[in-house]
């Protein structure tokens, strides 16, 4: 099945949002556990 553009665009948008959330959690964890205050000024 070939995805239409709206479906493809929506799925890539959801994946980008998920990746951003995971990176934000990693960033906050690094700041909490390692004291890296420069990660979130």
PDB file of N, CA and C in Angstrom:
ATOM      1  N   UNK A   1       0.835  -1.183   0.000  1.00  0.00           N
ATOM      2  CA  UNK A   1       0.000   0.000   0.000  1.00  0.00           C
ATOM      3  C   UNK A   1       0.879   1.246   0.000  1.00  0.00           C
ATOM      4  N   UNK A   2       0.635   2.125  -0.923  1.00  0.00           N
ATOM      5  CA  UNK A   2       1.388   3.377  -1.012  1.00  0.00           C
ATOM      6  C   UNK A   2       0.653   4.439  -0.209  1.00  0.00           C
ATOM      7  N   UNK A   3       1.402   5.067   0.695  1.00  0.00           N
ATOM      8  CA  UNK A   3       0.791   6.104   1.526  1.00  0.00           C
ATOM      9  C   UNK A   3       0.602   7.387   0.726  1.00  0.00           C
ATOM     10  N   UNK A   4      -0.488   8.040   0.950  1.00  0.00           N
ATOM     11  CA  UNK A   4      -0.723   9.338   0.338  1.00  0.00           C
ATOM     12  C   UNK A   4       0.070  10.388   1.109  1.00  0.00           C
ATOM     13  N   UNK A   5       0.271  11.518   0.525  1.00  0.00           N
ATOM     14  CA  UNK A   5       1.079  12.565   1.143  1.00  0.00           C
ATOM     15  C   UNK A   5       0.578  12.975   2.531  1.00  0.00           C
ATOM     16  N   UNK A   6      -0.711  13.208   2.742  1.00  0.00           N
ATOM     17  CA  UNK A   6      -1.142  13.605   4.090  1.00  0.00           C
ATOM     18  C   UNK A   6      -0.817  12.544   5.151  1.00  0.00           C
ATOM     19  N   UNK A   7      -0.971  11.274   4.789  1.00  0.00           N
ATOM     20  CA  UNK A   7      -0.645  10.215   5.747  1.00  0.00           C
ATOM     21  C   UNK A   7       0.853  10.162   6.013  1.00  0.00           C
ATOM     22  N   UNK A   8       1.636  10.299   4.969  1.00  0.00           N
ATOM     23  CA  UNK A   8       3.085  10.266   5.121  1.00  0.00           C
ATOM     24  C   UNK A   8       3.564  11.461   5.925  1.00  0.00           C
ATOM     25  N   UNK A   9       3.008  12.618   5.634  1.00  0.00           N
ATOM     26  CA  UNK A   9       3.404  13.829   6.356  1.00  0.00           C
ATOM     27  C   UNK A   9       3.005  13.753   7.826  1.00  0.00           C
ATOM     28  N   UNK A  10       1.835  13.227   8.093  1.00  0.00           N
ATOM     29  CA  UNK A  10       1.372  13.118   9.480  1.00  0.00           C
ATOM     30  C   UNK A  10       2.226  12.133  10.261  1.00  0.00           C
ATOM     31  N   UNK A  11       2.578  11.017   9.642  1.00  0.00           N
ATOM     32  CA  UNK A  11       3.387  10.029  10.360  1.00  0.00           C
ATOM     33  C   UNK A  11       4.794  10.562  10.616  1.00  0.00           C
ATOM     34  N   UNK A  12       5.375  11.292   9.677  1.00  0.00           N
ATOM     35  CA  UNK A  12       6.704  11.858   9.917  1.00  0.00           C
ATOM     36  C   UNK A  12       6.644  12.953  10.977  1.00  0.00           C
ATOM     37  N   UNK A  13       5.533  13.677  11.032  1.00  0.00           N
ATOM     38  CA  UNK A  13       5.368  14.703  12.063  1.00  0.00           C
ATOM     39  C   UNK A  13       5.278  14.062  13.450  1.00  0.00           C
ATOM     40  N   UNK A  14       4.555  12.968  13.570  1.00  0.00           N
ATOM     41  CA  UNK A  14       4.440  12.264  14.850  1.00  0.00           C
ATOM     42  C   UNK A  14       5.805  11.715  15.270  1.00  0.00           C
ATOM     43  N   UNK A  15       6.560  11.160  14.335  1.00  0.00           N
ATOM     44  CA  UNK A  15       7.893  10.648  14.663  1.00  0.00           C
ATOM     45  C   UNK A  15       8.827  11.772  15.105  1.00  0.00           C
ATOM     46  N   UNK A  16       8.743  12.921  14.456  1.00  0.00           N
ATOM     47  CA  UNK A  16       9.572  14.058  14.852  1.00  0.00           C
ATOM     48  C   UNK A  16       9.203  14.545  16.254  1.00  0.00           C
ATOM     49  N   UNK A  17       7.915  14.595  16.563  1.00  0.00           N
ATOM     50  CA  UNK A  17       7.480  14.992  17.908  1.00  0.00           C
ATOM     51  C   UNK A  17       7.964  13.999  18.962  1.00  0.00           C
ATOM     52  N   UNK A  18       7.892  12.707  18.647  1.00  0.00           N
ATOM     53  CA  UNK A  18       8.346  11.689  19.594  1.00  0.00           C
ATOM     54  C   UNK A  18       9.844  11.811  19.838  1.00  0.00           C
ATOM     55  N   UNK A  19      10.612  12.026  18.786  1.00  0.00           N
ATOM     56  CA  UNK A  19      12.063  12.172  18.929  1.00  0.00           C
ATOM     57  C   UNK A  19      12.400  13.407  19.758  1.00  0.00           C
ATOM     58  N   UNK A  20      11.691  14.494  19.535  1.00  0.00           N
ATOM     59  CA  UNK A  20      11.923  15.711  20.315  1.00  0.00           C
ATOM     60  C   UNK A  20      11.622  15.480  21.791  1.00  0.00           C
ATOM     61  N   UNK A  21      10.568  14.739  22.085  1.00  0.00           N
ATOM     62  CA  UNK A  21      10.229  14.448  23.478  1.00  0.00           C
ATOM     63  C   UNK A  21      11.290  13.590  24.141  1.00  0.00           C
ATOM     64  N   UNK A  22      11.778  12.596  23.429  1.00  0.00           N
ATOM     65  CA  UNK A  22      12.829  11.731  23.979  1.00  0.00           C
ATOM     66  C   UNK A  22      14.096  12.535  24.237  1.00  0.00           C
ATOM     67  N   UNK A  23      14.471  13.400  23.311  1.00  0.00           N
ATOM     68  CA  UNK A  23      15.661  14.226  23.511  1.00  0.00           C
ATOM     69  C   UNK A  23      15.491  15.204  24.670  1.00  0.00           C
ATOM     70  N   UNK A  24      14.296  15.719  24.875  1.00  0.00           N
ATOM     71  CA  UNK A  24      14.044  16.618  26.000  1.00  0.00           C
ATOM     72  C   UNK A  24      14.173  15.875  27.322  1.00  0.00           C
ATOM     73  N   UNK A  25      13.690  14.642  27.373  1.00  0.00           N
ATOM     74  CA  UNK A  25      13.815  13.836  28.594  1.00  0.00           C
ATOM     75  C   UNK A  25      15.279  13.538  28.881  1.00  0.00           C
ATOM     76  N   UNK A  26      16.047  13.204  27.846  1.00  0.00           N
ATOM     77  CA  UNK A  26      17.483  12.949  28.030  1.00  0.00           C
ATOM     78  C   UNK A  26      18.177  14.213  28.523  1.00  0.00           C
ATOM     79  N   UNK A  27      17.826  15.353  27.953  1.00  0.00           N
ATOM     80  CA  UNK A  27      18.419  16.624  28.350  1.00  0.00           C
ATOM     81  C   UNK A  27      18.126  16.935  29.814  1.00  0.00           C
ATOM     82  N   UNK A  28      16.882  16.789  30.214  1.00  0.00           N
ATOM     83  CA  UNK A  28      16.529  17.075  31.607  1.00  0.00           C
ATOM     84  C   UNK A  28      17.174  16.088  32.568  1.00  0.00           C
ATOM     85  N   UNK A  29      17.292  14.841  32.159  1.00  0.00           N
ATOM     86  CA  UNK A  29      17.949  13.839  33.002  1.00  0.00           C
ATOM     87  C   UNK A  29      19.430  14.151  33.168  1.00  0.00           C
ATOM     88  N   UNK A  30      20.078  14.572  32.092  1.00  0.00           N
ATOM     89  CA  UNK A  30      21.492  14.938  32.176  1.00  0.00           C
ATOM     90  C   UNK A  30      21.675  16.128  33.113  1.00  0.00           C
ATOM     91  N   UNK A  31      20.777  17.092  33.022  1.00  0.00           N
ATOM     92  CA  UNK A  31      20.866  18.239  33.920  1.00  0.00           C
ATOM     93  C   UNK A  31      20.652  17.852  35.368  1.00  0.00           C
ATOM     94  N   UNK A  32      19.755  16.909  35.597  1.00  0.00           N
ATOM     95  CA  UNK A  32      19.458  16.487  36.964  1.00  0.00           C
ATOM     96  C   UNK A  32      20.582  15.646  37.558  1.00  0.00           C
ATOM     97  N   UNK A  33      21.037  14.642  36.834  1.00  0.00           N
ATOM     98  CA  UNK A  33      21.991  13.688  37.382  1.00  0.00           C
ATOM     99  C   UNK A  33      23.443  14.145  37.306  1.00  0.00           C
ATOM    100  N   UNK A  34      23.804  14.915  36.267  1.00  0.00           N
ATOM    101  CA  UNK A  34      25.189  15.323  36.105  1.00  0.00           C
ATOM    102  C   UNK A  34      25.425  16.788  36.440  1.00  0.00           C
ATOM    103  N   UNK A  35      24.370  17.511  36.744  1.00  0.00           N
ATOM    104  CA  UNK A  35      24.521  18.916  37.088  1.00  0.00           C
ATOM    105  C   UNK A  35      24.862  19.791  35.897  1.00  0.00           C
ATOM    106  N   UNK A  36      24.498  19.338  34.706  1.00  0.00           N
ATOM    107  CA  UNK A  36      24.795  20.105  33.499  1.00  0.00           C
ATOM    108  C   UNK A  36      23.757  21.212  33.336  1.00  0.00           C
ATOM    109  N   UNK A  37      23.978  22.322  33.994  1.00  0.00           N
ATOM    110  CA  UNK A  37      23.001  23.400  33.939  1.00  0.00           C
ATOM    111  C   UNK A  37      23.017  24.109  32.593  1.00  0.00           C
ATOM    112  N   UNK A  38      24.056  23.949  31.797  1.00  0.00           N
ATOM    113  CA  UNK A  38      24.134  24.605  30.501  1.00  0.00           C
ATOM    114  C   UNK A  38      23.174  23.962  29.483  1.00  0.00           C
ATOM    115  N   UNK A  39      22.627  22.776  29.795  1.00  0.00           N
ATOM    116  CA  UNK A  39      21.743  22.126  28.839  1.00  0.00           C
ATOM    117  C   UNK A  39      20.380  22.788  28.769  1.00  0.00           C
ATOM    118  N   UNK A  40      19.999  23.495  29.807  1.00  0.00           N
ATOM    119  CA  UNK A  40      18.734  24.241  29.786  1.00  0.00           C
ATOM    120  C   UNK A  40      18.936  25.549  30.517  1.00  0.00           C
ATOM    121  N   UNK A  41      19.360  26.564  29.762  1.00  0.00           N
ATOM    122  CA  UNK A  41      19.696  27.858  30.372  1.00  0.00           C
ATOM    123  C   UNK A  41      18.492  28.597  30.905  1.00  0.00           C
TER     124      UNK A  41
END
